[in-house]
N, C-alpha and C. Protein backbone atom coordinates (compact mmCIF):
# COMPACT_ATOMS: atom_id res chain seq x y z
N UNK A 1 137.62 93.98 102.85
CA UNK A 1 137.83 92.83 103.24
C UNK A 1 136.74 92.15 104.32
N UNK A 2 136.38 90.90 104.19
CA UNK A 2 135.35 90.21 105.10
C UNK A 2 135.94 89.70 106.06
N UNK A 3 135.23 89.67 107.40
CA UNK A 3 135.89 88.99 108.41
C UNK A 3 135.32 87.67 108.34
N UNK A 4 136.09 86.64 109.13
CA UNK A 4 135.75 85.25 109.16
C UNK A 4 134.12 84.88 109.61
N UNK A 5 133.60 85.65 110.59
CA UNK A 5 132.40 85.56 110.96
C UNK A 5 131.30 86.05 109.87
N UNK A 6 131.71 87.07 109.21
CA UNK A 6 130.69 87.39 108.02
C UNK A 6 130.70 86.39 106.97
N UNK A 7 131.83 85.64 106.60
CA UNK A 7 131.69 84.60 105.78
C UNK A 7 131.07 83.51 106.21
N UNK A 8 130.96 83.24 107.41
CA UNK A 8 130.25 82.10 107.97
C UNK A 8 128.67 82.40 108.07
N UNK A 9 128.34 83.71 108.30
CA UNK A 9 126.95 84.01 108.13
C UNK A 9 126.56 83.88 106.82
N UNK A 10 127.42 84.55 105.80
CA UNK A 10 126.83 84.46 104.40
C UNK A 10 126.68 83.03 103.93
N UNK A 11 127.61 82.25 104.25
CA UNK A 11 127.50 80.67 104.06
C UNK A 11 126.32 80.07 104.51
N UNK A 12 125.75 80.59 105.91
CA UNK A 12 124.58 79.79 106.35
C UNK A 12 123.40 80.36 105.68
N UNK A 13 123.46 81.79 105.34
CA UNK A 13 122.21 82.23 104.35
C UNK A 13 122.09 81.44 102.98
N UNK A 14 123.22 81.40 102.39
CA UNK A 14 123.28 80.63 101.07
C UNK A 14 122.91 79.09 101.16
N UNK A 15 123.10 78.45 102.41
CA UNK A 15 122.77 77.19 102.48
C UNK A 15 121.27 77.24 102.81
N UNK A 16 120.82 78.08 103.60
CA UNK A 16 119.53 78.14 103.98
C UNK A 16 118.64 78.39 102.72
N UNK A 17 118.92 78.95 101.85
CA UNK A 17 118.14 79.37 100.63
C UNK A 17 117.82 77.96 99.72
N UNK A 18 118.64 76.90 100.00
CA UNK A 18 118.51 75.73 99.36
C UNK A 18 117.94 74.64 100.35
N UNK A 19 117.46 74.95 101.56
CA UNK A 19 117.03 73.98 102.55
C UNK A 19 115.87 73.41 101.99
N UNK A 20 115.46 72.12 102.23
CA UNK A 20 114.19 71.50 102.09
C UNK A 20 113.03 71.95 102.77
N UNK A 21 113.26 72.80 104.06
CA UNK A 21 112.24 73.46 104.71
C UNK A 21 111.90 74.83 104.22
N UNK A 22 110.69 75.04 103.88
CA UNK A 22 110.28 76.37 103.26
C UNK A 22 110.36 77.29 104.44
N UNK A 23 110.21 77.05 105.64
CA UNK A 23 110.35 78.10 106.81
C UNK A 23 111.85 78.35 106.96
N UNK A 24 112.69 77.72 106.70
CA UNK A 24 114.13 77.88 106.72
C UNK A 24 114.57 78.77 105.55
N UNK A 25 113.97 78.31 104.34
CA UNK A 25 114.23 79.31 103.13
C UNK A 25 113.74 80.67 103.30
N UNK A 26 112.60 80.95 104.15
CA UNK A 26 111.92 82.14 104.37
C UNK A 26 112.90 83.02 105.16
N UNK A 27 113.28 82.21 106.22
CA UNK A 27 114.32 83.02 107.23
C UNK A 27 115.58 83.29 106.50
N UNK A 28 116.12 82.47 105.60
CA UNK A 28 117.27 82.82 104.70
C UNK A 28 117.13 83.96 103.99
N UNK A 29 115.90 84.01 103.29
CA UNK A 29 115.72 85.18 102.34
C UNK A 29 115.55 86.46 103.26
N UNK A 30 114.85 86.38 104.58
CA UNK A 30 114.83 87.47 105.24
C UNK A 30 116.16 88.07 105.46
N UNK A 31 116.93 87.08 105.97
CA UNK A 31 118.33 87.49 106.41
C UNK A 31 119.23 88.25 105.24
N UNK A 32 118.96 87.75 103.92
CA UNK A 32 119.77 88.03 102.93
C UNK A 32 119.25 89.69 102.64
N UNK A 33 117.96 89.77 102.86
CA UNK A 33 117.54 91.38 102.69
C UNK A 33 118.00 92.20 103.77
N UNK A 34 118.02 91.68 104.96
CA UNK A 34 118.17 92.37 106.19
C UNK A 34 119.67 93.05 106.27
N UNK A 35 120.60 92.02 105.87
CA UNK A 35 121.97 92.42 105.61
C UNK A 35 122.51 92.24 104.10
N UNK A 36 122.08 92.96 103.32
CA UNK A 36 122.49 92.69 102.03
C UNK A 36 123.95 92.51 101.71
N UNK A 37 124.13 91.34 100.90
CA UNK A 37 125.58 91.06 100.39
C UNK A 37 125.62 90.82 98.96
N UNK A 38 126.50 91.38 98.27
CA UNK A 38 126.59 91.13 96.75
C UNK A 38 126.68 89.43 96.37
N UNK A 39 127.27 88.71 97.48
CA UNK A 39 127.32 87.50 97.32
C UNK A 39 126.13 86.73 97.04
N UNK A 40 125.04 87.36 97.52
CA UNK A 40 123.52 86.75 97.60
C UNK A 40 122.89 86.72 96.44
N UNK A 41 123.17 87.87 95.54
CA UNK A 41 122.37 88.25 94.38
C UNK A 41 121.95 87.06 93.57
N UNK A 42 123.05 86.38 93.05
CA UNK A 42 122.98 85.37 92.08
C UNK A 42 122.01 84.22 92.67
N UNK A 43 122.38 83.78 93.74
CA UNK A 43 121.56 82.83 94.42
C UNK A 43 120.08 83.16 94.73
N UNK A 44 119.93 84.41 94.88
CA UNK A 44 118.42 84.82 95.12
C UNK A 44 117.72 84.93 93.81
N UNK A 45 118.31 85.15 92.73
CA UNK A 45 117.57 85.23 91.39
C UNK A 45 117.50 83.79 91.12
N UNK A 46 118.49 82.81 91.32
CA UNK A 46 118.22 81.53 90.87
C UNK A 46 117.23 80.82 91.70
N UNK A 47 117.06 81.17 92.88
CA UNK A 47 116.06 80.54 93.78
C UNK A 47 114.69 81.01 93.42
N UNK A 48 114.41 82.24 92.93
CA UNK A 48 113.23 82.95 92.42
C UNK A 48 112.75 81.85 91.32
N UNK A 49 113.66 81.45 90.51
CA UNK A 49 113.15 80.71 89.43
C UNK A 49 112.63 79.30 89.78
N UNK A 50 112.89 78.85 90.75
CA UNK A 50 112.45 77.40 91.20
C UNK A 50 111.58 77.34 92.52
N UNK A 51 111.47 78.47 93.25
CA UNK A 51 110.84 78.38 94.51
C UNK A 51 109.35 78.15 94.41
N UNK A 52 108.73 77.08 94.97
CA UNK A 52 107.53 76.68 94.96
C UNK A 52 106.44 77.29 95.76
N UNK A 53 106.90 78.02 96.91
CA UNK A 53 106.04 78.61 97.99
C UNK A 53 106.15 79.90 97.64
N UNK A 54 104.88 80.56 97.65
CA UNK A 54 104.51 82.07 97.42
C UNK A 54 105.29 82.84 98.31
N UNK A 55 104.97 82.62 99.69
CA UNK A 55 105.46 83.57 100.60
C UNK A 55 107.05 83.63 100.58
N UNK A 56 107.81 82.45 100.28
CA UNK A 56 109.08 82.63 100.11
C UNK A 56 109.63 83.25 98.83
N UNK A 57 108.76 82.97 97.81
CA UNK A 57 109.18 84.17 96.52
C UNK A 57 108.84 85.34 96.78
N UNK A 58 107.92 85.84 97.61
CA UNK A 58 107.86 87.28 98.07
C UNK A 58 109.14 87.82 98.86
N UNK A 59 109.42 86.96 99.48
CA UNK A 59 110.72 87.32 100.53
C UNK A 59 111.80 87.47 99.78
N UNK A 60 111.88 86.49 98.73
CA UNK A 60 113.35 86.43 97.87
C UNK A 60 113.15 87.78 97.07
N UNK A 61 111.92 88.15 96.52
CA UNK A 61 111.94 89.43 95.72
C UNK A 61 112.15 90.77 96.70
N UNK A 62 111.64 90.70 97.90
CA UNK A 62 111.90 91.80 98.92
C UNK A 62 113.58 91.66 98.88
N UNK A 63 114.06 90.73 99.26
CA UNK A 63 115.61 90.63 99.45
C UNK A 63 116.25 91.28 98.31
N UNK A 64 115.96 90.95 97.02
CA UNK A 64 116.60 91.50 95.90
C UNK A 64 116.35 93.16 95.80
N UNK A 65 115.16 93.48 96.46
CA UNK A 65 115.11 94.91 96.24
C UNK A 65 115.96 95.65 97.18
N UNK A 66 116.39 94.89 98.15
CA UNK A 66 117.25 95.52 98.99
C UNK A 66 118.77 95.61 98.62
N UNK A 67 119.17 95.20 97.53
CA UNK A 67 120.70 94.90 96.86
C UNK A 67 120.45 96.16 95.84
N UNK A 68 121.77 96.48 95.51
CA UNK A 68 121.90 97.67 94.44
C UNK A 68 121.34 97.21 92.95
N UNK A 69 120.53 97.87 92.53
CA UNK A 69 120.01 97.65 91.16
C UNK A 69 120.94 97.48 90.12
N UNK A 70 121.96 98.03 90.41
CA UNK A 70 123.24 97.94 89.22
C UNK A 70 123.53 96.42 89.15
N UNK A 71 123.30 95.56 90.21
CA UNK A 71 123.58 94.20 90.32
C UNK A 71 122.64 93.32 90.11
N UNK A 72 121.30 93.75 90.45
CA UNK A 72 120.11 92.85 90.41
C UNK A 72 119.57 93.04 89.01
N UNK A 73 119.61 94.11 88.51
CA UNK A 73 118.64 94.26 87.28
C UNK A 73 119.13 93.50 86.01
N UNK A 74 120.57 93.53 85.80
CA UNK A 74 121.02 92.86 84.82
C UNK A 74 120.82 91.34 84.86
N UNK A 75 120.92 90.72 86.12
CA UNK A 75 120.52 89.22 86.51
C UNK A 75 119.25 89.01 86.12
N UNK A 76 118.40 89.81 86.57
CA UNK A 76 116.70 89.74 86.43
C UNK A 76 116.51 89.90 84.80
N UNK A 77 117.18 90.74 84.19
CA UNK A 77 116.75 90.69 82.68
C UNK A 77 117.28 89.51 82.14
N UNK A 78 118.42 88.90 82.45
CA UNK A 78 118.85 87.60 81.90
C UNK A 78 117.85 86.57 82.05
N UNK A 79 117.06 86.56 83.28
CA UNK A 79 116.16 85.52 83.50
C UNK A 79 114.80 85.78 82.60
N UNK A 80 114.54 86.75 81.88
CA UNK A 80 113.44 87.09 81.19
C UNK A 80 113.66 85.93 79.77
N UNK A 81 114.78 85.63 79.53
CA UNK A 81 114.89 84.85 78.57
C UNK A 81 114.87 83.15 78.82
N UNK A 82 114.64 83.02 79.96
CA UNK A 82 114.59 81.57 80.39
C UNK A 82 113.48 80.84 79.78
N UNK A 83 113.57 79.43 79.56
CA UNK A 83 112.49 78.64 79.24
C UNK A 83 111.52 78.37 80.39
N UNK A 84 111.90 78.59 81.56
CA UNK A 84 111.13 78.21 82.68
C UNK A 84 110.02 79.39 82.91
N UNK A 85 108.67 79.17 82.88
CA UNK A 85 107.74 80.29 83.04
C UNK A 85 107.75 81.04 84.37
N UNK A 86 108.19 80.33 85.52
CA UNK A 86 108.20 80.91 86.60
C UNK A 86 109.49 81.71 86.85
N UNK A 87 110.56 81.45 86.19
CA UNK A 87 111.72 82.34 86.24
C UNK A 87 111.50 83.57 85.39
N UNK A 88 110.71 83.47 84.33
CA UNK A 88 110.33 84.73 83.89
C UNK A 88 109.44 85.52 84.49
N UNK A 89 108.33 84.91 85.16
CA UNK A 89 107.25 85.60 85.84
C UNK A 89 107.78 86.24 86.99
N UNK A 90 108.80 85.59 87.92
CA UNK A 90 109.16 86.18 89.02
C UNK A 90 110.14 87.38 88.72
N UNK A 91 110.96 87.11 87.68
CA UNK A 91 111.95 88.32 87.37
C UNK A 91 111.13 89.41 87.04
N UNK A 92 110.11 89.27 86.35
CA UNK A 92 109.15 90.56 85.94
C UNK A 92 108.62 91.09 87.15
N UNK A 93 108.33 90.17 88.10
CA UNK A 93 107.57 90.69 89.21
C UNK A 93 108.68 91.63 90.09
N UNK A 94 109.63 90.96 90.17
CA UNK A 94 110.78 91.75 91.11
C UNK A 94 111.39 93.07 90.28
N UNK A 95 111.30 93.05 89.00
CA UNK A 95 111.69 94.35 88.34
C UNK A 95 110.73 95.20 88.61
N UNK A 96 109.51 94.98 88.78
CA UNK A 96 108.24 95.84 88.99
C UNK A 96 108.50 96.40 90.19
N UNK A 97 108.97 95.76 91.20
CA UNK A 97 109.14 96.05 92.60
C UNK A 97 110.51 97.07 92.63
N UNK A 98 111.38 96.69 91.89
CA UNK A 98 112.62 97.53 91.92
C UNK A 98 112.43 99.01 91.32
N UNK A 99 111.65 98.92 90.32
CA UNK A 99 111.24 100.15 89.55
C UNK A 99 112.33 100.79 88.69
N UNK A 100 113.48 100.19 88.48
CA UNK A 100 114.40 100.74 87.61
C UNK A 100 114.25 100.91 86.08
N UNK A 101 113.84 102.04 85.56
CA UNK A 101 113.36 102.17 84.24
C UNK A 101 114.37 101.72 83.18
N UNK A 102 115.67 101.38 83.57
CA UNK A 102 116.55 100.95 82.79
C UNK A 102 116.25 99.34 82.22
N UNK A 103 115.41 98.87 83.00
CA UNK A 103 114.78 97.49 82.50
C UNK A 103 113.67 97.74 81.40
N UNK A 104 113.21 98.81 81.08
CA UNK A 104 112.07 99.02 80.30
C UNK A 104 112.34 98.29 78.79
N UNK A 105 113.53 98.51 78.33
CA UNK A 105 113.59 97.88 76.83
C UNK A 105 113.54 96.25 77.02
N UNK A 106 113.65 95.74 78.00
CA UNK A 106 113.69 94.21 78.26
C UNK A 106 112.12 93.69 78.22
N UNK A 107 111.18 94.56 78.41
CA UNK A 107 109.80 94.17 78.70
C UNK A 107 109.12 94.08 77.21
N UNK A 108 109.55 93.25 76.43
CA UNK A 108 109.17 93.08 75.13
C UNK A 108 107.79 92.68 74.80
N UNK A 109 107.12 92.74 73.63
CA UNK A 109 105.96 92.32 73.22
C UNK A 109 105.86 90.74 73.36
N UNK A 110 106.95 90.26 73.19
CA UNK A 110 106.79 88.74 73.50
C UNK A 110 106.40 88.41 74.92
N UNK A 111 106.88 89.16 75.81
CA UNK A 111 106.56 88.92 77.29
C UNK A 111 105.17 89.37 77.59
N UNK A 112 104.91 90.63 76.96
CA UNK A 112 103.52 91.00 77.23
C UNK A 112 102.27 90.17 76.68
N UNK A 113 102.73 89.41 75.72
CA UNK A 113 101.72 88.43 74.97
C UNK A 113 102.12 86.95 75.31
N UNK A 114 102.96 86.80 76.49
CA UNK A 114 103.39 85.38 76.76
C UNK A 114 102.22 84.37 76.66
N UNK A 115 102.42 83.27 76.20
CA UNK A 115 101.19 82.18 76.31
C UNK A 115 100.91 81.77 77.68
N UNK A 116 101.87 81.97 78.62
CA UNK A 116 101.67 81.62 80.14
C UNK A 116 101.06 82.72 80.72
N UNK A 117 99.81 82.70 81.25
CA UNK A 117 98.92 83.65 81.92
C UNK A 117 99.70 84.35 83.22
N UNK A 118 100.61 83.61 83.88
CA UNK A 118 101.31 84.31 85.00
C UNK A 118 102.32 85.15 84.56
N UNK A 119 103.12 84.65 83.52
CA UNK A 119 104.07 85.59 83.03
C UNK A 119 103.45 86.81 82.23
N UNK A 120 102.39 86.68 81.57
CA UNK A 120 101.84 87.89 80.99
C UNK A 120 101.33 88.80 81.93
N UNK A 121 100.70 88.40 83.02
CA UNK A 121 100.13 89.29 84.06
C UNK A 121 101.36 89.77 84.66
N UNK A 122 102.54 89.16 85.10
CA UNK A 122 103.64 89.85 85.67
C UNK A 122 104.17 90.94 84.58
N UNK A 123 104.18 90.69 83.50
CA UNK A 123 104.82 91.59 82.41
C UNK A 123 103.78 92.88 82.41
N UNK A 124 102.72 92.66 82.42
CA UNK A 124 101.75 93.69 82.34
C UNK A 124 101.98 94.77 83.59
N UNK A 125 102.24 94.08 84.66
CA UNK A 125 102.51 94.88 85.92
C UNK A 125 103.70 95.51 85.75
N UNK A 126 104.62 94.87 85.33
CA UNK A 126 105.98 95.58 85.24
C UNK A 126 106.18 96.60 84.07
N UNK A 127 105.35 96.49 83.03
CA UNK A 127 105.28 97.60 81.94
C UNK A 127 104.72 98.77 82.36
N UNK A 128 103.59 98.56 83.16
CA UNK A 128 102.85 99.79 83.68
C UNK A 128 103.84 100.45 84.84
N UNK A 129 104.55 99.86 85.57
CA UNK A 129 105.53 100.50 86.51
C UNK A 129 106.87 101.08 85.74
N UNK A 130 107.26 100.57 84.64
CA UNK A 130 108.48 101.07 84.03
C UNK A 130 108.29 101.82 82.89
N UNK A 131 107.01 101.85 82.29
CA UNK A 131 107.02 102.61 80.90
C UNK A 131 107.58 104.13 81.03
N UNK A 132 108.22 104.48 80.14
CA UNK A 132 108.79 105.99 80.12
C UNK A 132 107.71 106.74 79.51
N UNK A 133 107.74 108.13 80.08
CA UNK A 133 106.65 109.08 79.69
C UNK A 133 106.75 109.17 78.22
N UNK A 134 105.45 108.98 77.57
CA UNK A 134 105.03 109.13 76.06
C UNK A 134 105.18 107.65 75.51
N UNK A 135 105.44 106.69 76.36
CA UNK A 135 105.27 105.29 75.87
C UNK A 135 103.97 104.70 76.12
N UNK A 136 102.98 105.37 76.90
CA UNK A 136 101.86 104.82 77.32
C UNK A 136 100.79 104.50 76.27
N UNK A 137 100.73 105.38 75.14
CA UNK A 137 99.62 104.94 74.10
C UNK A 137 100.14 103.65 73.32
N UNK A 138 101.37 103.40 72.98
CA UNK A 138 101.81 102.23 72.33
C UNK A 138 101.51 100.90 73.31
N UNK A 139 102.09 101.15 74.52
CA UNK A 139 101.84 100.07 75.63
C UNK A 139 100.08 99.76 75.75
N UNK A 140 99.27 100.73 75.68
CA UNK A 140 98.06 100.63 75.81
C UNK A 140 97.39 99.83 74.72
N UNK A 141 97.91 100.11 73.61
CA UNK A 141 97.57 99.36 72.27
C UNK A 141 97.72 98.05 72.38
N UNK A 142 99.02 97.67 72.82
CA UNK A 142 99.52 96.20 72.99
C UNK A 142 98.74 95.45 73.96
N UNK A 143 98.35 96.27 75.09
CA UNK A 143 97.51 95.47 76.29
C UNK A 143 96.11 95.34 75.69
N UNK A 144 95.69 96.35 75.16
CA UNK A 144 94.11 96.24 74.82
C UNK A 144 94.04 95.30 73.76
N UNK A 145 94.99 94.81 73.04
CA UNK A 145 94.83 93.79 71.96
C UNK A 145 94.62 92.47 72.58
N UNK A 146 94.83 92.32 73.97
CA UNK A 146 94.52 91.07 74.72
C UNK A 146 93.27 91.09 75.28
N UNK A 147 92.40 92.00 75.32
CA UNK A 147 91.04 92.27 75.91
C UNK A 147 90.28 90.88 75.51
N UNK A 148 89.77 90.19 76.75
CA UNK A 148 88.94 88.99 76.44
C UNK A 148 89.85 87.61 76.75
N UNK A 149 90.91 87.89 77.04
CA UNK A 149 91.95 86.80 77.22
C UNK A 149 91.83 86.21 78.62
N UNK A 150 91.69 84.91 78.65
CA UNK A 150 91.75 84.06 79.73
C UNK A 150 90.57 84.06 80.77
N UNK A 151 90.90 83.64 82.07
CA UNK A 151 89.73 83.65 82.96
C UNK A 151 89.66 85.04 83.65
N UNK A 152 88.70 84.96 84.75
CA UNK A 152 88.32 86.37 85.29
C UNK A 152 89.61 87.02 86.04
N UNK A 153 90.49 86.12 86.62
CA UNK A 153 91.68 86.74 87.40
C UNK A 153 92.50 87.28 86.20
N UNK A 154 92.78 86.68 85.11
CA UNK A 154 93.74 87.30 84.17
C UNK A 154 93.05 88.53 83.65
N UNK A 155 91.71 88.47 83.42
CA UNK A 155 91.03 89.59 82.85
C UNK A 155 91.07 90.74 83.81
N UNK A 156 90.87 90.51 85.26
CA UNK A 156 90.98 91.56 86.12
C UNK A 156 92.40 92.16 86.18
N UNK A 157 93.54 91.37 86.03
CA UNK A 157 94.89 91.85 85.96
C UNK A 157 94.91 92.82 84.77
N UNK A 158 94.54 92.41 83.68
CA UNK A 158 94.80 93.28 82.45
C UNK A 158 94.15 94.52 82.56
N UNK A 159 92.83 94.47 83.31
CA UNK A 159 91.98 95.81 83.32
C UNK A 159 92.84 96.74 84.36
N UNK A 160 93.28 96.13 85.52
CA UNK A 160 93.96 96.91 86.36
C UNK A 160 95.34 97.64 85.78
N UNK A 161 95.93 96.87 84.82
CA UNK A 161 97.11 97.45 84.34
C UNK A 161 96.68 98.40 83.15
N UNK A 162 95.56 98.19 82.67
CA UNK A 162 95.12 99.32 81.49
C UNK A 162 94.82 100.57 82.30
N UNK A 163 93.89 100.43 83.01
CA UNK A 163 93.38 101.63 84.01
C UNK A 163 94.46 102.41 84.69
N UNK A 164 95.45 101.72 84.96
CA UNK A 164 96.71 102.48 85.54
C UNK A 164 97.28 103.38 84.75
N UNK A 165 97.12 103.17 83.41
CA UNK A 165 97.70 104.07 82.34
C UNK A 165 96.88 105.35 82.20
N UNK A 166 95.58 105.16 82.63
CA UNK A 166 94.83 106.42 82.53
C UNK A 166 94.05 106.56 81.30
N UNK A 167 93.86 107.98 81.13
CA UNK A 167 92.82 108.35 79.74
C UNK A 167 93.43 107.89 78.59
N UNK A 168 94.61 107.60 78.37
CA UNK A 168 95.19 107.18 77.14
C UNK A 168 94.68 105.95 76.59
N UNK A 169 93.93 105.26 77.49
CA UNK A 169 93.59 103.98 77.07
C UNK A 169 92.19 104.03 76.34
N UNK A 170 91.44 105.22 76.51
CA UNK A 170 90.20 105.24 76.16
C UNK A 170 89.97 104.95 74.44
N UNK A 171 90.80 105.59 73.51
CA UNK A 171 90.65 105.08 72.17
C UNK A 171 90.59 103.86 71.79
N UNK A 172 91.63 102.94 72.64
CA UNK A 172 91.70 101.54 72.31
C UNK A 172 90.34 100.85 73.03
N UNK A 173 89.98 101.22 74.04
CA UNK A 173 88.79 100.56 74.53
C UNK A 173 87.63 101.03 73.80
N UNK A 174 87.27 102.24 73.15
CA UNK A 174 86.16 102.37 72.41
C UNK A 174 86.27 101.63 71.06
N UNK A 175 87.30 101.15 70.75
CA UNK A 175 87.59 100.41 69.38
C UNK A 175 87.09 99.06 69.52
N UNK A 176 87.59 98.57 70.89
CA UNK A 176 87.37 97.09 71.31
C UNK A 176 85.97 96.91 71.69
N UNK A 177 85.05 97.83 72.20
CA UNK A 177 83.69 97.66 72.23
C UNK A 177 82.82 97.48 71.00
N UNK A 178 83.53 97.42 69.95
CA UNK A 178 82.78 96.94 68.63
C UNK A 178 83.35 95.83 68.12
N UNK A 179 84.19 95.22 68.80
CA UNK A 179 84.81 93.79 68.45
C UNK A 179 83.82 92.81 68.14
N UNK A 180 83.94 91.99 67.12
CA UNK A 180 82.93 90.80 66.92
C UNK A 180 82.79 89.86 68.17
N UNK A 181 83.83 89.86 68.90
CA UNK A 181 83.88 88.77 69.82
C UNK A 181 83.21 89.39 71.24
N UNK A 182 82.20 88.71 71.69
CA UNK A 182 81.43 89.39 72.80
C UNK A 182 82.23 89.21 74.04
N UNK A 183 83.47 88.48 74.32
CA UNK A 183 84.18 88.38 75.37
C UNK A 183 84.98 89.67 75.39
N UNK A 184 85.45 90.19 74.18
CA UNK A 184 86.32 91.24 74.09
C UNK A 184 85.42 92.55 74.33
N UNK A 185 84.23 92.62 73.76
CA UNK A 185 83.32 93.59 74.08
C UNK A 185 83.05 93.82 75.46
N UNK A 186 82.82 92.71 76.11
CA UNK A 186 82.42 92.87 77.60
C UNK A 186 83.68 93.22 78.27
N UNK A 187 84.77 92.69 78.22
CA UNK A 187 86.04 93.23 78.96
C UNK A 187 86.38 94.52 78.66
N UNK A 188 86.27 95.13 77.49
CA UNK A 188 86.46 96.49 77.29
C UNK A 188 85.61 97.30 77.95
N UNK A 189 84.32 97.12 77.90
CA UNK A 189 83.34 97.86 78.71
C UNK A 189 83.42 97.80 80.31
N UNK A 190 84.05 96.62 80.63
CA UNK A 190 84.26 96.47 82.13
C UNK A 190 85.36 97.37 82.50
N UNK A 191 86.42 97.39 81.62
CA UNK A 191 87.59 98.07 81.80
C UNK A 191 87.27 99.77 81.85
N UNK A 192 86.42 99.99 80.94
CA UNK A 192 86.14 101.53 80.93
C UNK A 192 85.42 101.89 82.10
N UNK A 193 84.47 101.09 82.57
CA UNK A 193 83.78 101.38 83.89
C UNK A 193 84.65 101.51 84.97
N UNK A 194 85.65 100.63 85.01
CA UNK A 194 86.68 100.68 86.10
C UNK A 194 87.57 101.99 86.00
N UNK A 195 87.74 102.41 84.78
CA UNK A 195 88.54 103.62 84.52
C UNK A 195 87.81 104.83 85.22
N UNK A 196 86.39 104.95 84.88
CA UNK A 196 85.72 105.81 85.54
C UNK A 196 85.24 105.83 86.78
N UNK A 197 85.11 104.52 87.43
CA UNK A 197 84.77 104.41 88.86
C UNK A 197 85.72 103.19 89.39
N UNK A 198 86.81 103.54 89.73
CA UNK A 198 87.89 102.52 90.34
C UNK A 198 87.44 102.03 91.55
N UNK A 199 86.28 102.35 92.14
CA UNK A 199 85.79 101.44 93.50
C UNK A 199 84.80 100.75 93.02
N UNK A 200 84.35 100.63 91.88
CA UNK A 200 83.23 99.74 91.36
C UNK A 200 83.70 98.14 91.75
N UNK A 201 84.94 97.96 91.45
CA UNK A 201 85.27 96.38 91.57
C UNK A 201 85.16 95.58 90.32
N UNK A 202 85.90 94.83 89.88
CA UNK A 202 85.94 94.15 88.62
C UNK A 202 84.68 93.32 88.52
N UNK A 203 84.15 92.71 89.44
CA UNK A 203 83.13 91.67 89.32
C UNK A 203 81.73 92.58 88.92
N UNK A 204 81.61 93.65 89.53
CA UNK A 204 80.41 94.64 89.55
C UNK A 204 80.64 95.07 87.94
N UNK A 205 81.52 95.47 87.44
CA UNK A 205 81.99 96.36 86.27
C UNK A 205 81.75 95.23 85.27
N UNK A 206 82.14 93.87 85.31
CA UNK A 206 81.76 92.72 84.49
C UNK A 206 80.32 92.57 84.31
N UNK A 207 79.56 92.54 85.28
CA UNK A 207 78.09 92.26 85.27
C UNK A 207 77.46 93.60 84.51
N UNK A 208 77.87 94.81 84.82
CA UNK A 208 77.33 95.89 84.16
C UNK A 208 77.64 95.79 82.69
N UNK A 209 78.68 95.47 82.22
CA UNK A 209 79.19 95.15 80.75
C UNK A 209 78.34 94.13 80.35
N UNK A 210 78.15 93.14 81.03
CA UNK A 210 77.34 92.04 80.37
C UNK A 210 75.96 92.60 80.03
N UNK A 211 75.33 93.39 80.92
CA UNK A 211 74.05 93.95 80.57
C UNK A 211 73.96 94.62 79.62
N UNK A 212 74.93 95.60 79.35
CA UNK A 212 75.18 96.49 78.33
C UNK A 212 75.29 96.06 76.88
N UNK A 213 76.15 94.87 77.06
CA UNK A 213 76.54 94.35 75.73
C UNK A 213 75.14 93.43 75.32
N UNK A 214 74.35 92.94 76.31
CA UNK A 214 73.20 92.19 75.87
C UNK A 214 72.20 93.13 75.44
N UNK A 215 71.96 94.32 75.96
CA UNK A 215 71.02 95.39 75.54
C UNK A 215 71.55 95.80 74.16
N UNK A 216 72.82 95.99 73.83
CA UNK A 216 73.24 96.34 72.62
C UNK A 216 72.79 95.29 71.58
N UNK A 217 73.07 94.02 71.78
CA UNK A 217 72.75 93.04 70.93
C UNK A 217 71.24 92.94 70.65
N UNK A 218 70.36 93.21 71.65
CA UNK A 218 69.01 93.24 71.52
C UNK A 218 68.53 94.36 70.52
N UNK A 219 69.21 95.63 70.64
CA UNK A 219 69.11 96.68 69.85
C UNK A 219 69.34 96.61 68.45
N UNK A 220 70.62 95.71 68.34
CA UNK A 220 70.95 95.58 66.81
C UNK A 220 69.95 94.55 66.19
N UNK A 221 69.34 93.64 66.90
CA UNK A 221 68.41 92.79 66.33
C UNK A 221 67.14 93.53 65.97
N UNK A 222 66.66 94.39 66.95
CA UNK A 222 65.67 95.18 66.72
C UNK A 222 65.68 96.13 65.50
């Protein structure tokens, strides 16, 4: 049984999540996580799908991690079918933070190869966090098939996801360094460099891969 003052506080939090001020929404999300209440879950998930401010989205995700995964995970999985890219992306991000492997079957190939880079990047991170033991080689193959995709930020995210899987990615990288597309070859070489030397940094790894690829091209011409 809830007390009247608890109902009043819950109503205040729910109103705050819809406020026009981002600072009010941030405080409401903080309150929702500080004092978890099942009544908050649906509104938190809905707000994640439309919230324009990054700090608020991060607080919404934190608030959801403070609630029971038995309530949050099914709602978040439902968001993965949304036509709204932000809804899919934020749900994936939140699932990766919750870390409940029951969500793994929902991380589909379609999400891992989503046309929206932010959705795909969130899917890569979630997949690495949730992949069950023994599923790493198949995941590595799906991720490696996207080497060369997008700009530097997207490529860095993919490399980080791949290297998080460890040595299982080596066969896929070795195959990719012979790809006809020089972008794929450079990205694969940079990712392998990062696997061997995680402290190198992506930019440094890319520049070294560029030099190696160029030397390889010269060697083939000679």
